């Protein structure tokens, strides 16, 4: 979970933390640094379920901190929305001798590509 402490439209602090409990009305979390009672806060939480095609989702909550101790802070949820998030790109798998590239190289008369791919 990531969070931002807001003042108007400005971000005055950022951090990471752990969600301890969440409901439709509020969220309890363990922030990395101190947050103060009365501060406006935005929590960005990775959602455990993806959309079709493995598209990741985040729950973004904006609320007011109503309690804060050294171990835990609690905010009341004023608004929330689900947002899609960028997928982490993965390196393509290594090409093998049976791939389409070799088929293309053969039909295109590219023996140089076939030789490199076959090692």
PDB file of N, CA and C in Angstrom:
ATOM      1  N   UNK A   1       0.831  -1.164   0.000  1.00  0.00           N
ATOM      2  CA  UNK A   1       0.000   0.000   0.000  1.00  0.00           C
ATOM      3  C   UNK A   1       0.886   1.241   0.000  1.00  0.00           C
ATOM      4  N   UNK A   2       0.518   2.195  -0.830  1.00  0.00           N
ATOM      5  CA  UNK A   2       1.208   3.488  -0.840  1.00  0.00           C
ATOM      6  C   UNK A   2       0.219   4.545  -0.341  1.00  0.00           C
ATOM      7  N   UNK A   3       0.749   5.603   0.236  1.00  0.00           N
ATOM      8  CA  UNK A   3      -0.140   6.670   0.675  1.00  0.00           C
ATOM      9  C   UNK A   3       0.472   8.033   0.399  1.00  0.00           C
ATOM     10  N   UNK A   4      -0.420   9.021   0.313  1.00  0.00           N
ATOM     11  CA  UNK A   4      -0.026  10.419   0.153  1.00  0.00           C
ATOM     12  C   UNK A   4      -0.812  11.230   1.166  1.00  0.00           C
ATOM     13  N   UNK A   5      -0.136  12.141   1.853  1.00  0.00           N
ATOM     14  CA  UNK A   5      -0.802  13.093   2.731  1.00  0.00           C
ATOM     15  C   UNK A   5      -1.035  14.345   1.895  1.00  0.00           C
ATOM     16  N   UNK A   6      -2.282  14.804   1.859  1.00  0.00           N
ATOM     17  CA  UNK A   6      -2.674  15.910   0.988  1.00  0.00           C
ATOM     18  C   UNK A   6      -2.992  17.166   1.789  1.00  0.00           C
ATOM     19  N   UNK A   7      -2.666  18.296   1.186  1.00  0.00           N
ATOM     20  CA  UNK A   7      -3.067  19.600   1.729  1.00  0.00           C
ATOM     21  C   UNK A   7      -3.584  20.387   0.537  1.00  0.00           C
ATOM     22  N   UNK A   8      -4.893  20.514   0.433  1.00  0.00           N
ATOM     23  CA  UNK A   8      -5.485  21.082  -0.774  1.00  0.00           C
ATOM     24  C   UNK A   8      -5.220  20.135  -1.923  1.00  0.00           C
ATOM     25  N   UNK A   9      -4.614  20.644  -2.988  1.00  0.00           N
ATOM     26  CA  UNK A   9      -4.258  19.807  -4.125  1.00  0.00           C
ATOM     27  C   UNK A   9      -2.788  19.395  -4.113  1.00  0.00           C
ATOM     28  N   UNK A  10      -2.072  19.774  -3.056  1.00  0.00           N
ATOM     29  CA  UNK A  10      -0.642  19.463  -2.954  1.00  0.00           C
ATOM     30  C   UNK A  10      -0.405  18.211  -2.128  1.00  0.00           C
ATOM     31  N   UNK A  11       0.624  17.472  -2.506  1.00  0.00           N
ATOM     32  CA  UNK A  11       1.071  16.313  -1.733  1.00  0.00           C
ATOM     33  C   UNK A  11       2.163  16.800  -0.796  1.00  0.00           C
ATOM     34  N   UNK A  12       1.951  16.662   0.519  1.00  0.00           N
ATOM     35  CA  UNK A  12       2.933  17.149   1.483  1.00  0.00           C
ATOM     36  C   UNK A  12       3.804  16.026   2.058  1.00  0.00           C
ATOM     37  N   UNK A  13       3.382  14.773   1.873  1.00  0.00           N
ATOM     38  CA  UNK A  13       4.185  13.630   2.326  1.00  0.00           C
ATOM     39  C   UNK A  13       3.741  12.391   1.560  1.00  0.00           C
ATOM     40  N   UNK A  14       4.671  11.460   1.408  1.00  0.00           N
ATOM     41  CA  UNK A  14       4.395  10.176   0.751  1.00  0.00           C
ATOM     42  C   UNK A  14       5.010   9.066   1.589  1.00  0.00           C
ATOM     43  N   UNK A  15       4.461   7.864   1.403  1.00  0.00           N
ATOM     44  CA  UNK A  15       5.048   6.740   2.119  1.00  0.00           C
ATOM     45  C   UNK A  15       4.439   5.424   1.677  1.00  0.00           C
ATOM     46  N   UNK A  16       4.932   4.378   2.279  1.00  0.00           N
ATOM     47  CA  UNK A  16       4.382   3.043   2.058  1.00  0.00           C
ATOM     48  C   UNK A  16       3.944   2.511   3.414  1.00  0.00           C
ATOM     49  N   UNK A  17       3.055   1.554   3.372  1.00  0.00           N
ATOM     50  CA  UNK A  17       2.563   0.997   4.624  1.00  0.00           C
ATOM     51  C   UNK A  17       1.862  -0.318   4.377  1.00  0.00           C
ATOM     52  N   UNK A  18       1.148  -0.763   5.384  1.00  0.00           N
ATOM     53  CA  UNK A  18       0.441  -2.039   5.331  1.00  0.00           C
ATOM     54  C   UNK A  18      -0.999  -1.824   5.768  1.00  0.00           C
ATOM     55  N   UNK A  19      -1.930  -2.363   5.001  1.00  0.00           N
ATOM     56  CA  UNK A  19      -3.345  -2.323   5.395  1.00  0.00           C
ATOM     57  C   UNK A  19      -3.553  -3.354   6.499  1.00  0.00           C
ATOM     58  N   UNK A  20      -4.162  -2.934   7.589  1.00  0.00           N
ATOM     59  CA  UNK A  20      -4.465  -3.840   8.695  1.00  0.00           C
ATOM     60  C   UNK A  20      -5.911  -4.304   8.638  1.00  0.00           C
ATOM     61  N   UNK A  21      -6.808  -3.399   8.238  1.00  0.00           N
ATOM     62  CA  UNK A  21      -8.225  -3.709   8.170  1.00  0.00           C
ATOM     63  C   UNK A  21      -8.879  -2.668   7.274  1.00  0.00           C
ATOM     64  N   UNK A  22      -9.892  -3.095   6.527  1.00  0.00           N
ATOM     65  CA  UNK A  22     -10.596  -2.153   5.656  1.00  0.00           C
ATOM     66  C   UNK A  22     -12.063  -2.544   5.577  1.00  0.00           C
ATOM     67  N   UNK A  23     -12.923  -1.537   5.514  1.00  0.00           N
ATOM     68  CA  UNK A  23     -14.356  -1.755   5.343  1.00  0.00           C
ATOM     69  C   UNK A  23     -14.874  -0.694   4.386  1.00  0.00           C
ATOM     70  N   UNK A  24     -16.165  -0.662   4.175  1.00  0.00           N
ATOM     71  CA  UNK A  24     -16.722   0.357   3.278  1.00  0.00           C
ATOM     72  C   UNK A  24     -16.668   1.753   3.894  1.00  0.00           C
ATOM     73  N   UNK A  25     -16.465   1.842   5.211  1.00  0.00           N
ATOM     74  CA  UNK A  25     -16.459   3.140   5.893  1.00  0.00           C
ATOM     75  C   UNK A  25     -15.085   3.648   6.290  1.00  0.00           C
ATOM     76  N   UNK A  26     -14.103   2.739   6.441  1.00  0.00           N
ATOM     77  CA  UNK A  26     -12.814   3.187   6.930  1.00  0.00           C
ATOM     78  C   UNK A  26     -11.720   2.166   6.685  1.00  0.00           C
ATOM     79  N   UNK A  27     -10.490   2.606   6.957  1.00  0.00           N
ATOM     80  CA  UNK A  27      -9.327   1.744   6.785  1.00  0.00           C
ATOM     81  C   UNK A  27      -8.353   1.971   7.932  1.00  0.00           C
ATOM     82  N   UNK A  28      -7.824   0.864   8.454  1.00  0.00           N
ATOM     83  CA  UNK A  28      -6.746   0.925   9.449  1.00  0.00           C
ATOM     84  C   UNK A  28      -5.483   0.477   8.743  1.00  0.00           C
ATOM     85  N   UNK A  29      -4.402   1.205   8.954  1.00  0.00           N
ATOM     86  CA  UNK A  29      -3.153   0.886   8.265  1.00  0.00           C
ATOM     87  C   UNK A  29      -1.956   1.240   9.125  1.00  0.00           C
ATOM     88  N   UNK A  30      -0.834   0.621   8.792  1.00  0.00           N
ATOM     89  CA  UNK A  30       0.429   0.894   9.479  1.00  0.00           C
ATOM     90  C   UNK A  30       1.283   1.720   8.520  1.00  0.00           C
ATOM     91  N   UNK A  31       1.403   3.026   8.753  1.00  0.00           N
ATOM     92  CA  UNK A  31       2.215   3.870   7.870  1.00  0.00           C
ATOM     93  C   UNK A  31       3.705   3.749   8.188  1.00  0.00           C
ATOM     94  N   UNK A  32       4.528   4.046   7.191  1.00  0.00           N
ATOM     95  CA  UNK A  32       5.983   4.016   7.385  1.00  0.00           C
ATOM     96  C   UNK A  32       6.445   5.181   8.260  1.00  0.00           C
ATOM     97  N   UNK A  33       5.733   6.281   8.179  1.00  0.00           N
ATOM     98  CA  UNK A  33       6.084   7.462   8.967  1.00  0.00           C
ATOM     99  C   UNK A  33       4.849   8.005   9.660  1.00  0.00           C
ATOM    100  N   UNK A  34       5.016   9.010  10.484  1.00  0.00           N
ATOM    101  CA  UNK A  34       3.875   9.534  11.235  1.00  0.00           C
ATOM    102  C   UNK A  34       2.855  10.258  10.354  1.00  0.00           C
ATOM    103  N   UNK A  35       1.590  10.028  10.628  1.00  0.00           N
ATOM    104  CA  UNK A  35       0.508  10.811  10.037  1.00  0.00           C
ATOM    105  C   UNK A  35      -0.295  11.390  11.199  1.00  0.00           C
ATOM    106  N   UNK A  36      -0.836  12.559  10.995  1.00  0.00           N
ATOM    107  CA  UNK A  36      -1.504  13.267  12.084  1.00  0.00           C
ATOM    108  C   UNK A  36      -3.025  13.203  11.953  1.00  0.00           C
ATOM    109  N   UNK A  37      -3.676  13.183  13.089  1.00  0.00           N
ATOM    110  CA  UNK A  37      -5.137  13.234  13.127  1.00  0.00           C
ATOM    111  C   UNK A  37      -5.595  14.502  12.396  1.00  0.00           C
ATOM    112  N   UNK A  38      -6.621  14.352  11.558  1.00  0.00           N
ATOM    113  CA  UNK A  38      -7.168  15.489  10.828  1.00  0.00           C
ATOM    114  C   UNK A  38      -6.598  15.656   9.423  1.00  0.00           C
ATOM    115  N   UNK A  39      -5.504  14.971   9.104  1.00  0.00           N
ATOM    116  CA  UNK A  39      -4.910  15.093   7.770  1.00  0.00           C
ATOM    117  C   UNK A  39      -5.752  14.361   6.728  1.00  0.00           C
ATOM    118  N   UNK A  40      -5.759  14.919   5.528  1.00  0.00           N
ATOM    119  CA  UNK A  40      -6.401  14.280   4.384  1.00  0.00           C
ATOM    120  C   UNK A  40      -5.392  13.317   3.787  1.00  0.00           C
ATOM    121  N   UNK A  41      -5.818  12.084   3.500  1.00  0.00           N
ATOM    122  CA  UNK A  41      -4.883  11.069   3.038  1.00  0.00           C
ATOM    123  C   UNK A  41      -5.463  10.296   1.862  1.00  0.00           C
ATOM    124  N   UNK A  42      -4.579   9.915   0.944  1.00  0.00           N
ATOM    125  CA  UNK A  42      -4.955   9.056  -0.167  1.00  0.00           C
ATOM    126  C   UNK A  42      -4.213   7.738  -0.012  1.00  0.00           C
ATOM    127  N   UNK A  43      -4.953   6.638   0.015  1.00  0.00           N
ATOM    128  CA  UNK A  43      -4.361   5.304   0.083  1.00  0.00           C
ATOM    129  C   UNK A  43      -4.512   4.650  -1.276  1.00  0.00           C
ATOM    130  N   UNK A  44      -3.465   4.033  -1.758  1.00  0.00           N
ATOM    131  CA  UNK A  44      -3.486   3.311  -3.029  1.00  0.00           C
ATOM    132  C   UNK A  44      -3.120   1.860  -2.736  1.00  0.00           C
ATOM    133  N   UNK A  45      -4.097   0.976  -2.904  1.00  0.00           N
ATOM    134  CA  UNK A  45      -3.976  -0.412  -2.456  1.00  0.00           C
ATOM    135  C   UNK A  45      -4.056  -1.356  -3.645  1.00  0.00           C
ATOM    136  N   UNK A  46      -3.082  -2.246  -3.788  1.00  0.00           N
ATOM    137  CA  UNK A  46      -3.143  -3.267  -4.840  1.00  0.00           C
ATOM    138  C   UNK A  46      -4.308  -4.195  -4.538  1.00  0.00           C
ATOM    139  N   UNK A  47      -5.176  -4.387  -5.529  1.00  0.00           N
ATOM    140  CA  UNK A  47      -6.334  -5.249  -5.364  1.00  0.00           C
ATOM    141  C   UNK A  47      -5.920  -6.689  -5.676  1.00  0.00           C
ATOM    142  N   UNK A  48      -6.401  -7.657  -4.893  1.00  0.00           N
ATOM    143  CA  UNK A  48      -5.935  -9.033  -5.077  1.00  0.00           C
ATOM    144  C   UNK A  48      -6.483  -9.748  -6.313  1.00  0.00           C
ATOM    145  N   UNK A  49      -7.474  -9.180  -6.977  1.00  0.00           N
ATOM    146  CA  UNK A  49      -8.084  -9.811  -8.148  1.00  0.00           C
ATOM    147  C   UNK A  49      -7.799  -8.946  -9.374  1.00  0.00           C
ATOM    148  N   UNK A  50      -7.494  -9.583 -10.498  1.00  0.00           N
ATOM    149  CA  UNK A  50      -7.223  -8.845 -11.732  1.00  0.00           C
ATOM    150  C   UNK A  50      -8.443  -8.856 -12.636  1.00  0.00           C
ATOM    151  N   UNK A  51      -8.441  -7.946 -13.594  1.00  0.00           N
ATOM    152  CA  UNK A  51      -9.446  -7.940 -14.651  1.00  0.00           C
ATOM    153  C   UNK A  51      -9.076  -9.004 -15.676  1.00  0.00           C
ATOM    154  N   UNK A  52      -9.966  -9.271 -16.644  1.00  0.00           N
ATOM    155  CA  UNK A  52      -9.584 -10.213 -17.704  1.00  0.00           C
ATOM    156  C   UNK A  52      -8.267  -9.799 -18.350  1.00  0.00           C
ATOM    157  N   UNK A  53      -7.546 -10.759 -18.867  1.00  0.00           N
ATOM    158  CA  UNK A  53      -6.221 -10.565 -19.454  1.00  0.00           C
ATOM    159  C   UNK A  53      -5.185 -10.145 -18.422  1.00  0.00           C
ATOM    160  N   UNK A  54      -5.444 -10.491 -17.157  1.00  0.00           N
ATOM    161  CA  UNK A  54      -4.488 -10.253 -16.059  1.00  0.00           C
ATOM    162  C   UNK A  54      -4.140  -8.777 -15.867  1.00  0.00           C
ATOM    163  N   UNK A  55      -5.083  -7.880 -16.089  1.00  0.00           N
ATOM    164  CA  UNK A  55      -4.847  -6.444 -15.883  1.00  0.00           C
ATOM    165  C   UNK A  55      -4.986  -6.145 -14.388  1.00  0.00           C
ATOM    166  N   UNK A  56      -3.908  -5.639 -13.749  1.00  0.00           N
ATOM    167  CA  UNK A  56      -3.958  -5.356 -12.315  1.00  0.00           C
ATOM    168  C   UNK A  56      -4.847  -4.159 -11.988  1.00  0.00           C
ATOM    169  N   UNK A  57      -5.412  -4.177 -10.778  1.00  0.00           N
ATOM    170  CA  UNK A  57      -6.329  -3.136 -10.317  1.00  0.00           C
ATOM    171  C   UNK A  57      -5.833  -2.600  -8.979  1.00  0.00           C
ATOM    172  N   UNK A  58      -6.070  -1.312  -8.751  1.00  0.00           N
ATOM    173  CA  UNK A  58      -5.776  -0.682  -7.461  1.00  0.00           C
ATOM    174  C   UNK A  58      -7.059  -0.051  -6.936  1.00  0.00           C
ATOM    175  N   UNK A  59      -7.225  -0.099  -5.633  1.00  0.00           N
ATOM    176  CA  UNK A  59      -8.289   0.630  -4.960  1.00  0.00           C
ATOM    177  C   UNK A  59      -7.654   1.906  -4.426  1.00  0.00           C
ATOM    178  N   UNK A  60      -8.192   3.047  -4.837  1.00  0.00           N
ATOM    179  CA  UNK A  60      -7.683   4.337  -4.368  1.00  0.00           C
ATOM    180  C   UNK A  60      -8.744   4.958  -3.472  1.00  0.00           C
ATOM    181  N   UNK A  61      -8.354   5.244  -2.234  1.00  0.00           N
ATOM    182  CA  UNK A  61      -9.258   5.747  -1.205  1.00  0.00           C
ATOM    183  C   UNK A  61      -8.776   7.121  -0.768  1.00  0.00           C
ATOM    184  N   UNK A  62      -9.701   8.055  -0.620  1.00  0.00           N
ATOM    185  CA  UNK A  62      -9.371   9.362  -0.035  1.00  0.00           C
ATOM    186  C   UNK A  62     -10.203   9.506   1.224  1.00  0.00           C
ATOM    187  N   UNK A  63      -9.531   9.869   2.311  1.00  0.00           N
ATOM    188  CA  UNK A  63     -10.231  10.001   3.577  1.00  0.00           C
ATOM    189  C   UNK A  63      -9.499  10.905   4.539  1.00  0.00           C
ATOM    190  N   UNK A  64     -10.062  11.009   5.717  1.00  0.00           N
ATOM    191  CA  UNK A  64      -9.501  11.865   6.760  1.00  0.00           C
ATOM    192  C   UNK A  64      -9.021  10.976   7.904  1.00  0.00           C
ATOM    193  N   UNK A  65      -7.800  11.238   8.371  1.00  0.00           N
ATOM    194  CA  UNK A  65      -7.250  10.478   9.489  1.00  0.00           C
ATOM    195  C   UNK A  65      -8.003  10.871  10.761  1.00  0.00           C
ATOM    196  N   UNK A  66      -8.593   9.859  11.425  1.00  0.00           N
ATOM    197  CA  UNK A  66      -9.348  10.139  12.652  1.00  0.00           C
ATOM    198  C   UNK A  66      -8.638   9.632  13.907  1.00  0.00           C
ATOM    199  N   UNK A  67      -7.634   8.771  13.709  1.00  0.00           N
ATOM    200  CA  UNK A  67      -6.854   8.279  14.839  1.00  0.00           C
ATOM    201  C   UNK A  67      -5.465   7.905  14.339  1.00  0.00           C
ATOM    202  N   UNK A  68      -4.449   8.201  15.145  1.00  0.00           N
ATOM    203  CA  UNK A  68      -3.089   7.877  14.748  1.00  0.00           C
ATOM    204  C   UNK A  68      -2.232   7.631  15.982  1.00  0.00           C
ATOM    205  N   UNK A  69      -1.571   6.466  15.987  1.00  0.00           N
ATOM    206  CA  UNK A  69      -0.617   6.138  17.044  1.00  0.00           C
ATOM    207  C   UNK A  69       0.704   5.782  16.363  1.00  0.00           C
ATOM    208  N   UNK A  70       1.680   5.382  17.138  1.00  0.00           N
ATOM    209  CA  UNK A  70       2.972   5.007  16.556  1.00  0.00           C
ATOM    210  C   UNK A  70       2.856   3.763  15.682  1.00  0.00           C
ATOM    211  N   UNK A  71       1.909   2.867  15.980  1.00  0.00           N
ATOM    212  CA  UNK A  71       1.775   1.613  15.237  1.00  0.00           C
ATOM    213  C   UNK A  71       0.678   1.612  14.191  1.00  0.00           C
ATOM    214  N   UNK A  72      -0.309   2.486  14.315  1.00  0.00           N
ATOM    215  CA  UNK A  72      -1.504   2.368  13.478  1.00  0.00           C
ATOM    216  C   UNK A  72      -2.153   3.729  13.249  1.00  0.00           C
ATOM    217  N   UNK A  73      -2.734   3.875  12.066  1.00  0.00           N
ATOM    218  CA  UNK A  73      -3.552   5.053  11.770  1.00  0.00           C
ATOM    219  C   UNK A  73      -4.881   4.556  11.201  1.00  0.00           C
ATOM    220  N   UNK A  74      -5.922   5.320  11.423  1.00  0.00           N
ATOM    221  CA  UNK A  74      -7.248   4.963  10.926  1.00  0.00           C
ATOM    222  C   UNK A  74      -7.813   6.176  10.194  1.00  0.00           C
ATOM    223  N   UNK A  75      -8.373   5.916   9.014  1.00  0.00           N
ATOM    224  CA  UNK A  75      -9.018   7.010   8.290  1.00  0.00           C
ATOM    225  C   UNK A  75     -10.455   6.614   7.966  1.00  0.00           C
ATOM    226  N   UNK A  76     -11.316   7.604   7.922  1.00  0.00           N
ATOM    227  CA  UNK A  76     -12.682   7.400   7.474  1.00  0.00           C
ATOM    228  C   UNK A  76     -12.673   7.632   5.960  1.00  0.00           C
ATOM    229  N   UNK A  77     -13.346   6.774   5.205  1.00  0.00           N
ATOM    230  CA  UNK A  77     -13.322   6.868   3.747  1.00  0.00           C
ATOM    231  C   UNK A  77     -14.345   7.883   3.278  1.00  0.00           C
ATOM    232  N   UNK A  78     -13.865   8.894   2.558  1.00  0.00           N
ATOM    233  CA  UNK A  78     -14.743   9.908   1.984  1.00  0.00           C
ATOM    234  C   UNK A  78     -15.140   9.567   0.559  1.00  0.00           C
ATOM    235  N   UNK A  79     -14.199   9.035  -0.198  1.00  0.00           N
ATOM    236  CA  UNK A  79     -14.477   8.586  -1.564  1.00  0.00           C
ATOM    237  C   UNK A  79     -13.486   7.510  -1.954  1.00  0.00           C
ATOM    238  N   UNK A  80     -13.864   6.714  -2.950  1.00  0.00           N
ATOM    239  CA  UNK A  80     -12.979   5.649  -3.417  1.00  0.00           C
ATOM    240  C   UNK A  80     -13.247   5.384  -4.882  1.00  0.00           C
ATOM    241  N   UNK A  81     -12.268   4.788  -5.548  1.00  0.00           N
ATOM    242  CA  UNK A  81     -12.453   4.341  -6.922  1.00  0.00           C
ATOM    243  C   UNK A  81     -11.453   3.239  -7.231  1.00  0.00           C
ATOM    244  N   UNK A  82     -11.835   2.392  -8.157  1.00  0.00           N
ATOM    245  CA  UNK A  82     -10.932   1.362  -8.644  1.00  0.00           C
ATOM    246  C   UNK A  82     -10.265   1.886  -9.905  1.00  0.00           C
ATOM    247  N   UNK A  83      -8.969   1.672 -10.005  1.00  0.00           N
ATOM    248  CA  UNK A  83      -8.210   2.106 -11.180  1.00  0.00           C
ATOM    249  C   UNK A  83      -7.380   0.937 -11.703  1.00  0.00           C
ATOM    250  N   UNK A  84      -7.206   0.910 -13.005  1.00  0.00           N
ATOM    251  CA  UNK A  84      -6.283  -0.076 -13.557  1.00  0.00           C
ATOM    252  C   UNK A  84      -4.873   0.449 -13.364  1.00  0.00           C
ATOM    253  N   UNK A  85      -3.929  -0.456 -13.284  1.00  0.00           N
ATOM    254  CA  UNK A  85      -2.533  -0.052 -13.128  1.00  0.00           C
ATOM    255  C   UNK A  85      -1.706  -0.709 -14.208  1.00  0.00           C
ATOM    256  N   UNK A  86      -0.567  -0.130 -14.472  1.00  0.00           N
ATOM    257  CA  UNK A  86       0.312  -0.639 -15.525  1.00  0.00           C
ATOM    258  C   UNK A  86       0.784  -2.042 -15.182  1.00  0.00           C
ATOM    259  N   UNK A  87       0.857  -2.870 -16.204  1.00  0.00           N
ATOM    260  CA  UNK A  87       1.408  -4.208 -16.030  1.00  0.00           C
ATOM    261  C   UNK A  87       2.918  -4.125 -16.056  1.00  0.00           C
ATOM    262  N   UNK A  88       3.559  -4.990 -15.313  1.00  0.00           N
ATOM    263  CA  UNK A  88       5.010  -5.076 -15.374  1.00  0.00           C
ATOM    264  C   UNK A  88       5.361  -5.812 -16.654  1.00  0.00           C
ATOM    265  N   UNK A  89       6.253  -5.236 -17.428  1.00  0.00           N
ATOM    266  CA  UNK A  89       6.617  -5.903 -18.678  1.00  0.00           C
ATOM    267  C   UNK A  89       7.563  -7.056 -18.378  1.00  0.00           C
ATOM    268  N   UNK A  90       7.426  -8.086 -19.163  1.00  0.00           N
ATOM    269  CA  UNK A  90       8.276  -9.252 -19.000  1.00  0.00           C
ATOM    270  C   UNK A  90       9.133  -9.403 -20.240  1.00  0.00           C
ATOM    271  N   UNK A  91      10.342  -9.852 -20.046  1.00  0.00           N
ATOM    272  CA  UNK A  91      11.237 -10.081 -21.175  1.00  0.00           C
ATOM    273  C   UNK A  91      10.690 -11.234 -22.005  1.00  0.00           C
ATOM    274  N   UNK A  92      10.775 -11.152 -23.334  1.00  0.00           N
ATOM    275  CA  UNK A  92      10.287 -12.253 -24.154  1.00  0.00           C
ATOM    276  C   UNK A  92      11.101 -13.516 -23.916  1.00  0.00           C
ATOM    277  N   UNK A  93      10.440 -14.638 -24.073  1.00  0.00           N
ATOM    278  CA  UNK A  93      11.124 -15.919 -23.902  1.00  0.00           C
ATOM    279  C   UNK A  93      12.165 -16.072 -25.010  1.00  0.00           C
ATOM    280  N   UNK A  94      13.201 -16.817 -24.735  1.00  0.00           N
ATOM    281  CA  UNK A  94      14.253 -17.056 -25.732  1.00  0.00           C
ATOM    282  C   UNK A  94      13.669 -17.783 -26.939  1.00  0.00           C
ATOM    283  N   UNK A  95      14.161 -17.445 -28.103  1.00  0.00           N
ATOM    284  CA  UNK A  95      13.692 -18.088 -29.324  1.00  0.00           C
ATOM    285  C   UNK A  95      14.269 -19.487 -29.422  1.00  0.00           C
ATOM    286  N   UNK A  96      13.462 -20.401 -29.905  1.00  0.00           N
ATOM    287  CA  UNK A  96      13.962 -21.754 -30.120  1.00  0.00           C
ATOM    288  C   UNK A  96      13.929 -22.047 -31.616  1.00  0.00           C
ATOM    289  N   UNK A  97      14.550 -23.134 -32.012  1.00  0.00           N
ATOM    290  CA  UNK A  97      14.647 -23.488 -33.430  1.00  0.00           C
ATOM    291  C   UNK A  97      13.281 -23.755 -34.048  1.00  0.00           C
ATOM    292  N   UNK A  98      12.250 -23.976 -33.266  1.00  0.00           N
ATOM    293  CA  UNK A  98      10.928 -24.278 -33.815  1.00  0.00           C
ATOM    294  C   UNK A  98       9.998 -23.080 -33.873  1.00  0.00           C
ATOM    295  N   UNK A  99      10.482 -21.871 -33.763  1.00  0.00           N
ATOM    296  CA  UNK A  99       9.619 -20.697 -33.717  1.00  0.00           C
ATOM    297  C   UNK A  99       9.240 -20.197 -35.101  1.00  0.00           C
ATOM    298  N   UNK A 100       8.319 -19.268 -35.124  1.00  0.00           N
ATOM    299  CA  UNK A 100       7.866 -18.659 -36.376  1.00  0.00           C
ATOM    300  C   UNK A 100       8.980 -17.893 -37.075  1.00  0.00           C
ATOM    301  N   UNK A 101       9.929 -17.397 -36.288  1.00  0.00           N
ATOM    302  CA  UNK A 101      11.035 -16.647 -36.890  1.00  0.00           C
ATOM    303  C   UNK A 101      11.807 -17.543 -37.858  1.00  0.00           C
ATOM    304  N   UNK A 102      12.063 -18.749 -37.429  1.00  0.00           N
ATOM    305  CA  UNK A 102      12.785 -19.668 -38.313  1.00  0.00           C
ATOM    306  C   UNK A 102      11.951 -20.017 -39.538  1.00  0.00           C
ATOM    307  N   UNK A 103      10.642 -20.158 -39.355  1.00  0.00           N
ATOM    308  CA  UNK A 103       9.780 -20.446 -40.496  1.00  0.00           C
ATOM    309  C   UNK A 103       9.828 -19.282 -41.481  1.00  0.00           C
ATOM    310  N   UNK A 104       9.766 -18.064 -40.955  1.00  0.00           N
ATOM    311  CA  UNK A 104       9.836 -16.890 -41.829  1.00  0.00           C
ATOM    312  C   UNK A 104      11.191 -16.820 -42.515  1.00  0.00           C
ATOM    313  N   UNK A 105      12.243 -17.081 -41.754  1.00  0.00           N
ATOM    314  CA  UNK A 105      13.592 -17.016 -42.324  1.00  0.00           C
ATOM    315  C   UNK A 105      13.741 -18.007 -43.465  1.00  0.00           C
ATOM    316  N   UNK A 106      13.131 -19.192 -43.320  1.00  0.00           N
ATOM    317  CA  UNK A 106      13.215 -20.195 -44.381  1.00  0.00           C
ATOM    318  C   UNK A 106      12.477 -19.772 -45.624  1.00  0.00           C
ATOM    319  N   UNK A 107      11.258 -19.198 -45.449  1.00  0.00           N
ATOM    320  CA  UNK A 107      10.472 -18.798 -46.621  1.00  0.00           C
ATOM    321  C   UNK A 107      11.011 -17.531 -47.259  1.00  0.00           C
ATOM    322  N   UNK A 108      11.715 -16.721 -46.500  1.00  0.00           N
ATOM    323  CA  UNK A 108      12.266 -15.482 -47.039  1.00  0.00           C
ATOM    324  C   UNK A 108      13.669 -15.691 -47.592  1.00  0.00           C
ATOM    325  N   UNK A 109      14.164 -16.934 -47.522  1.00  0.00           N
ATOM    326  CA  UNK A 109      15.509 -17.209 -48.036  1.00  0.00           C
ATOM    327  C   UNK A 109      16.592 -16.597 -47.177  1.00  0.00           C
ATOM    328  N   UNK A 110      16.340 -16.422 -45.885  1.00  0.00           N
ATOM    329  CA  UNK A 110      17.303 -15.777 -44.982  1.00  0.00           C
ATOM    330  C   UNK A 110      18.083 -16.838 -44.223  1.00  0.00           C
ATOM    331  N   UNK A 111      19.013 -17.473 -44.890  1.00  0.00           N
ATOM    332  CA  UNK A 111      19.819 -18.512 -44.246  1.00  0.00           C
ATOM    333  C   UNK A 111      20.695 -17.938 -43.144  1.00  0.00           C
ATOM    334  N   UNK A 112      21.019 -16.626 -43.233  1.00  0.00           N
ATOM    335  CA  UNK A 112      21.835 -16.005 -42.189  1.00  0.00           C
ATOM    336  C   UNK A 112      21.085 -15.994 -40.849  1.00  0.00           C
ATOM    337  N   UNK A 113      19.771 -15.736 -40.883  1.00  0.00           N
ATOM    338  CA  UNK A 113      18.970 -15.726 -39.660  1.00  0.00           C
ATOM    339  C   UNK A 113      18.825 -17.147 -39.122  1.00  0.00           C
ATOM    340  N   UNK A 114      18.581 -18.099 -40.014  1.00  0.00           N
ATOM    341  CA  UNK A 114      18.447 -19.492 -39.581  1.00  0.00           C
ATOM    342  C   UNK A 114      19.736 -19.967 -38.918  1.00  0.00           C
ATOM    343  N   UNK A 115      20.863 -19.593 -39.466  1.00  0.00           N
ATOM    344  CA  UNK A 115      22.156 -20.029 -38.927  1.00  0.00           C
ATOM    345  C   UNK A 115      22.378 -19.464 -37.538  1.00  0.00           C
ATOM    346  N   UNK A 116      22.032 -18.198 -37.322  1.00  0.00           N
ATOM    347  CA  UNK A 116      22.211 -17.562 -36.017  1.00  0.00           C
ATOM    348  C   UNK A 116      21.259 -18.198 -35.010  1.00  0.00           C
ATOM    349  N   UNK A 117      19.984 -18.391 -35.381  1.00  0.00           N
ATOM    350  CA  UNK A 117      18.995 -18.950 -34.472  1.00  0.00           C
ATOM    351  C   UNK A 117      19.300 -20.393 -34.111  1.00  0.00           C
ATOM    352  N   UNK A 118      19.871 -21.129 -35.024  1.00  0.00           N
ATOM    353  CA  UNK A 118      20.190 -22.534 -34.755  1.00  0.00           C
ATOM    354  C   UNK A 118      21.476 -22.688 -33.971  1.00  0.00           C
ATOM    355  N   UNK A 119      22.178 -21.574 -33.812  1.00  0.00           N
ATOM    356  CA  UNK A 119      23.387 -21.579 -32.982  1.00  0.00           C
ATOM    357  C   UNK A 119      24.528 -22.212 -33.650  1.00  0.00           C
TER     358      UNK A 119
END
